Amino acid sequence: MTEQPRVMLDANLLIGAFLAPRASRQVMEWAREGRVRLVLSPYVIAEARRMISRAFRHRLAEFDDFIAATPHELAPDPAPEVVAEHRGLVDDPADVPVALAAIYVEVDYLLSSDRHLVADDETTRELRYHVRTMTPAQFLREMTESG
């Protein structure tokens, strides 16, 4: 049996997985079943918590339980000076820490619905040199088709 792919989700997908039965929730379920190895970073978790605390404050503890119940590896956040040195890695500066964490721990896939991370064009060329980026739906399709 081949090793399970290591998959990182961005903050928006963590929120989507928590709130609705979408493709990102399926990725989380696969992590619980051992079909994929989920990788998160403190930055991604903090961003998701911040957004949930603004819109769904009453559900923050439930979100924390959701994350805690899903086996995951914690990738270190890049230092601020490293983020500053790589600010052109992707178009949106807020996505640079996510991209760098994914590269640093050598995940197989970085999943996002953010075009700044998954666009198949010049804006993500350097990122895609290091890690495969795609939407959760694309990932599920690829995993299902490959067996």
C-alpha atoms as a PDB file:
ATOM      1  CA  MET A   1       0.000   0.000   0.000  1.00  0.00           C
ATOM      2  CA  THR A   2       1.285   3.463  -0.850  1.00  0.00           C
ATOM      3  CA  GLU A   3       1.688   6.092   1.821  1.00  0.00           C
ATOM      4  CA  GLN A   4      -1.269   8.417   2.312  1.00  0.00           C
ATOM      5  CA  PRO A   5      -0.876  11.831   0.703  1.00  0.00           C
ATOM      6  CA  ARG A   6      -0.104  14.724   3.018  1.00  0.00           C
ATOM      7  CA  VAL A   7      -2.703  17.450   2.454  1.00  0.00           C
ATOM      8  CA  MET A   8      -2.841  21.006   3.775  1.00  0.00           C
ATOM      9  CA  LEU A   9      -6.068  23.034   3.838  1.00  0.00           C
ATOM     10  CA  ASP A  10      -6.275  26.805   4.059  1.00  0.00           C
ATOM     11  CA  ALA A  11      -8.445  28.632   6.604  1.00  0.00           C
ATOM     12  CA  ASN A  12     -11.440  29.078   4.301  1.00  0.00           C
ATOM     13  CA  LEU A  13     -11.579  25.343   3.644  1.00  0.00           C
ATOM     14  CA  LEU A  14     -11.352  24.547   7.348  1.00  0.00           C
ATOM     15  CA  ILE A  15     -14.341  26.790   7.921  1.00  0.00           C
ATOM     16  CA  GLY A  16     -16.175  25.241   4.972  1.00  0.00           C
ATOM     17  CA  ALA A  17     -15.459  21.732   6.269  1.00  0.00           C
ATOM     18  CA  PHE A  18     -16.845  22.718   9.655  1.00  0.00           C
ATOM     19  CA  LEU A  19     -19.976  24.488   8.440  1.00  0.00           C
ATOM     20  CA  ALA A  20     -21.200  22.508   5.435  1.00  0.00           C
ATOM     21  CA  PRO A  21     -20.960  19.084   3.805  1.00  0.00           C
ATOM     22  CA  ARG A  22     -18.651  20.117   0.993  1.00  0.00           C
ATOM     23  CA  ALA A  23     -15.576  18.593  -0.596  1.00  0.00           C
ATOM     24  CA  SER A  24     -13.366  20.012   2.165  1.00  0.00           C
ATOM     25  CA  ARG A  25     -15.408  18.121   4.769  1.00  0.00           C
ATOM     26  CA  GLN A  26     -14.789  14.922   2.808  1.00  0.00           C
ATOM     27  CA  VAL A  27     -11.047  15.596   3.018  1.00  0.00           C
ATOM     28  CA  MET A  28     -11.403  15.960   6.801  1.00  0.00           C
ATOM     29  CA  GLU A  29     -13.356  12.695   6.922  1.00  0.00           C
ATOM     30  CA  TRP A  30     -10.630  10.987   4.925  1.00  0.00           C
ATOM     31  CA  ALA A  31      -8.106  12.294   7.472  1.00  0.00           C
ATOM     32  CA  ARG A  32     -10.172  10.725  10.259  1.00  0.00           C
ATOM     33  CA  GLU A  33     -10.308   7.451   8.298  1.00  0.00           C
ATOM     34  CA  GLY A  34      -6.551   7.497   7.656  1.00  0.00           C
ATOM     35  CA  ARG A  35      -6.878   7.874   3.869  1.00  0.00           C
ATOM     36  CA  VAL A  36      -4.968  11.173   3.904  1.00  0.00           C
ATOM     37  CA  ARG A  37      -2.608  12.815   6.363  1.00  0.00           C
ATOM     38  CA  LEU A  38      -3.914  16.269   7.200  1.00  0.00           C
ATOM     39  CA  VAL A  39      -1.385  19.044   7.763  1.00  0.00           C
ATOM     40  CA  LEU A  40      -2.392  22.346   9.354  1.00  0.00           C
ATOM     41  CA  SER A  41      -0.430  25.331  10.598  1.00  0.00           C
ATOM     42  CA  PRO A  42      -1.043  27.541  13.630  1.00  0.00           C
ATOM     43  CA  TYR A  43      -1.581  30.463  11.232  1.00  0.00           C
ATOM     44  CA  VAL A  44      -4.310  28.614   9.310  1.00  0.00           C
ATOM     45  CA  ILE A  45      -6.058  27.500  12.507  1.00  0.00           C
ATOM     46  CA  ALA A  46      -5.830  31.002  14.006  1.00  0.00           C
ATOM     47  CA  GLU A  47      -7.246  32.581  10.833  1.00  0.00           C
ATOM     48  CA  ALA A  48     -10.153  30.124  10.798  1.00  0.00           C
ATOM     49  CA  ARG A  49     -10.826  30.727  14.512  1.00  0.00           C
ATOM     50  CA  ARG A  50     -10.741  34.499  13.978  1.00  0.00           C
ATOM     51  CA  MET A  51     -13.282  34.325  11.152  1.00  0.00           C
ATOM     52  CA  ILE A  52     -15.548  31.925  13.049  1.00  0.00           C
ATOM     53  CA  SER A  53     -15.399  34.064  16.191  1.00  0.00           C
ATOM     54  CA  ARG A  54     -16.644  37.015  14.139  1.00  0.00           C
ATOM     55  CA  ALA A  55     -19.512  35.284  12.335  1.00  0.00           C
ATOM     56  CA  PHE A  56     -20.326  32.287  14.555  1.00  0.00           C
ATOM     57  CA  ARG A  57     -18.939  33.156  17.993  1.00  0.00           C
ATOM     58  CA  HIS A  58     -21.308  30.694  19.677  1.00  0.00           C
ATOM     59  CA  ARG A  59     -19.753  27.853  17.632  1.00  0.00           C
ATOM     60  CA  LEU A  60     -16.067  28.524  18.343  1.00  0.00           C
ATOM     61  CA  ALA A  61     -15.720  25.753  20.946  1.00  0.00           C
ATOM     62  CA  GLU A  62     -17.450  23.369  18.546  1.00  0.00           C
ATOM     63  CA  PHE A  63     -14.937  24.332  15.841  1.00  0.00           C
ATOM     64  CA  ASP A  64     -12.057  23.698  18.236  1.00  0.00           C
ATOM     65  CA  ASP A  65     -13.500  20.248  18.988  1.00  0.00           C
ATOM     66  CA  PHE A  66     -13.868  19.577  15.255  1.00  0.00           C
ATOM     67  CA  ILE A  67     -10.164  20.312  14.694  1.00  0.00           C
ATOM     68  CA  ALA A  68      -9.105  18.362  17.783  1.00  0.00           C
ATOM     69  CA  ALA A  69     -11.120  15.325  16.642  1.00  0.00           C
ATOM     70  CA  THR A  70      -9.336  15.218  13.294  1.00  0.00           C
ATOM     71  CA  PRO A  71      -5.823  13.754  13.335  1.00  0.00           C
ATOM     72  CA  HIS A  72      -3.371  16.233  11.896  1.00  0.00           C
ATOM     73  CA  GLU A  73       0.258  17.214  11.767  1.00  0.00           C
ATOM     74  CA  LEU A  74       1.091  20.752  12.811  1.00  0.00           C
ATOM     75  CA  ALA A  75       3.431  22.525  10.393  1.00  0.00           C
ATOM     76  CA  PRO A  76       5.448  25.379  11.859  1.00  0.00           C
ATOM     77  CA  ASP A  77       4.582  28.889  10.782  1.00  0.00           C
ATOM     78  CA  PRO A  78       7.310  30.709   8.876  1.00  0.00           C
ATOM     79  CA  ALA A  79       9.035  33.547  10.714  1.00  0.00           C
ATOM     80  CA  PRO A  80       7.799  37.051   9.835  1.00  0.00           C
ATOM     81  CA  GLU A  81      11.110  37.935   8.179  1.00  0.00           C
ATOM     82  CA  VAL A  82      10.851  34.821   5.967  1.00  0.00           C
ATOM     83  CA  VAL A  83       7.307  35.805   4.992  1.00  0.00           C
ATOM     84  CA  ALA A  84       8.574  39.303   4.132  1.00  0.00           C
ATOM     85  CA  GLU A  85      11.412  37.854   2.011  1.00  0.00           C
ATOM     86  CA  HIS A  86       8.892  35.777   0.003  1.00  0.00           C
ATOM     87  CA  ARG A  87       6.040  38.282  -0.252  1.00  0.00           C
ATOM     88  CA  GLY A  88       5.899  37.798  -4.043  1.00  0.00           C
ATOM     89  CA  LEU A  89       5.440  34.021  -3.822  1.00  0.00           C
ATOM     90  CA  VAL A  90       1.684  34.469  -4.430  1.00  0.00           C
ATOM     91  CA  ASP A  91      -0.433  37.540  -5.210  1.00  0.00           C
ATOM     92  CA  ASP A  92      -2.163  37.864  -1.829  1.00  0.00           C
ATOM     93  CA  PRO A  93       0.279  38.629   1.019  1.00  0.00           C
ATOM     94  CA  ALA A  94      -2.085  36.925   3.501  1.00  0.00           C
ATOM     95  CA  ASP A  95      -1.558  33.636   1.630  1.00  0.00           C
ATOM     96  CA  VAL A  96       2.250  33.713   1.798  1.00  0.00           C
ATOM     97  CA  PRO A  97       2.482  32.129   5.298  1.00  0.00           C
ATOM     98  CA  VAL A  98       0.191  29.291   4.163  1.00  0.00           C
ATOM     99  CA  ALA A  99       2.200  28.668   1.004  1.00  0.00           C
ATOM    100  CA  LEU A 100       5.521  28.755   2.858  1.00  0.00           C
ATOM    101  CA  ALA A 101       4.318  26.349   5.545  1.00  0.00           C
ATOM    102  CA  ALA A 102       3.146  23.920   2.851  1.00  0.00           C
ATOM    103  CA  ILE A 103       6.492  24.151   1.073  1.00  0.00           C
ATOM    104  CA  TYR A 104       8.542  23.877   4.271  1.00  0.00           C
ATOM    105  CA  VAL A 105       6.955  20.598   5.397  1.00  0.00           C
ATOM    106  CA  GLU A 106       6.743  19.311   1.821  1.00  0.00           C
ATOM    107  CA  VAL A 107       3.045  18.488   1.686  1.00  0.00           C
ATOM    108  CA  ASP A 108       1.860  16.630  -1.382  1.00  0.00           C
ATOM    109  CA  TYR A 109      -1.145  18.918  -1.902  1.00  0.00           C
ATOM    110  CA  LEU A 110      -2.161  22.400  -0.821  1.00  0.00           C
ATOM    111  CA  LEU A 111      -5.931  22.671  -1.133  1.00  0.00           C
ATOM    112  CA  SER A 112      -7.741  25.962  -1.398  1.00  0.00           C
ATOM    113  CA  SER A 113     -10.623  27.662  -3.141  1.00  0.00           C
ATOM    114  CA  ASP A 114      -8.581  30.881  -3.262  1.00  0.00           C
ATOM    115  CA  ARG A 115      -7.479  31.734  -6.791  1.00  0.00           C
ATOM    116  CA  HIS A 116      -4.303  33.296  -5.337  1.00  0.00           C
ATOM    117  CA  LEU A 117      -3.212  29.773  -4.381  1.00  0.00           C
ATOM    118  CA  VAL A 118      -4.733  27.517  -7.036  1.00  0.00           C
ATOM    119  CA  ALA A 119      -4.593  29.548 -10.253  1.00  0.00           C
ATOM    120  CA  ASP A 120      -2.786  27.657 -12.984  1.00  0.00           C
ATOM    121  CA  ASP A 121      -0.924  30.693 -14.268  1.00  0.00           C
ATOM    122  CA  GLU A 122       2.203  32.777 -13.770  1.00  0.00           C
ATOM    123  CA  THR A 123       1.019  34.120 -10.386  1.00  0.00           C
ATOM    124  CA  THR A 124       1.432  30.700  -8.740  1.00  0.00           C
ATOM    125  CA  ARG A 125       4.263  29.284 -10.859  1.00  0.00           C
ATOM    126  CA  GLU A 126       6.863  29.297  -8.076  1.00  0.00           C
ATOM    127  CA  LEU A 127       4.434  27.823  -5.539  1.00  0.00           C
ATOM    128  CA  ARG A 128       3.389  25.067  -7.961  1.00  0.00           C
ATOM    129  CA  TYR A 129       7.058  24.234  -8.520  1.00  0.00           C
ATOM    130  CA  HIS A 130       7.169  23.111  -4.860  1.00  0.00           C
ATOM    131  CA  VAL A 131       3.678  21.765  -4.150  1.00  0.00           C
ATOM    132  CA  ARG A 132       0.589  20.683  -6.079  1.00  0.00           C
ATOM    133  CA  THR A 133      -2.235  23.160  -5.567  1.00  0.00           C
ATOM    134  CA  MET A 134      -5.872  22.490  -6.335  1.00  0.00           C
ATOM    135  CA  THR A 135      -9.402  22.808  -5.052  1.00  0.00           C
ATOM    136  CA  PRO A 136     -10.820  20.129  -2.752  1.00  0.00           C
ATOM    137  CA  ALA A 137     -13.174  18.955  -5.504  1.00  0.00           C
ATOM    138  CA  GLN A 138     -10.231  18.487  -7.874  1.00  0.00           C
ATOM    139  CA  PHE A 139      -8.337  16.603  -5.171  1.00  0.00           C
ATOM    140  CA  LEU A 140     -11.250  14.260  -4.431  1.00  0.00           C
ATOM    141  CA  ARG A 141     -11.689  13.591  -8.126  1.00  0.00           C
ATOM    142  CA  GLU A 142      -7.991  12.856  -8.565  1.00  0.00           C
ATOM    143  CA  MET A 143      -7.884  10.552  -5.539  1.00  0.00           C
ATOM    144  CA  THR A 144     -11.017   8.701  -6.594  1.00  0.00           C
ATOM    145  CA  GLU A 145      -9.783   8.224 -10.162  1.00  0.00           C
ATOM    146  CA  SER A 146      -6.355   7.003  -9.047  1.00  0.00           C
ATOM    147  CA  GLY A 147      -7.831   4.231  -6.972  1.00  0.00           C
END
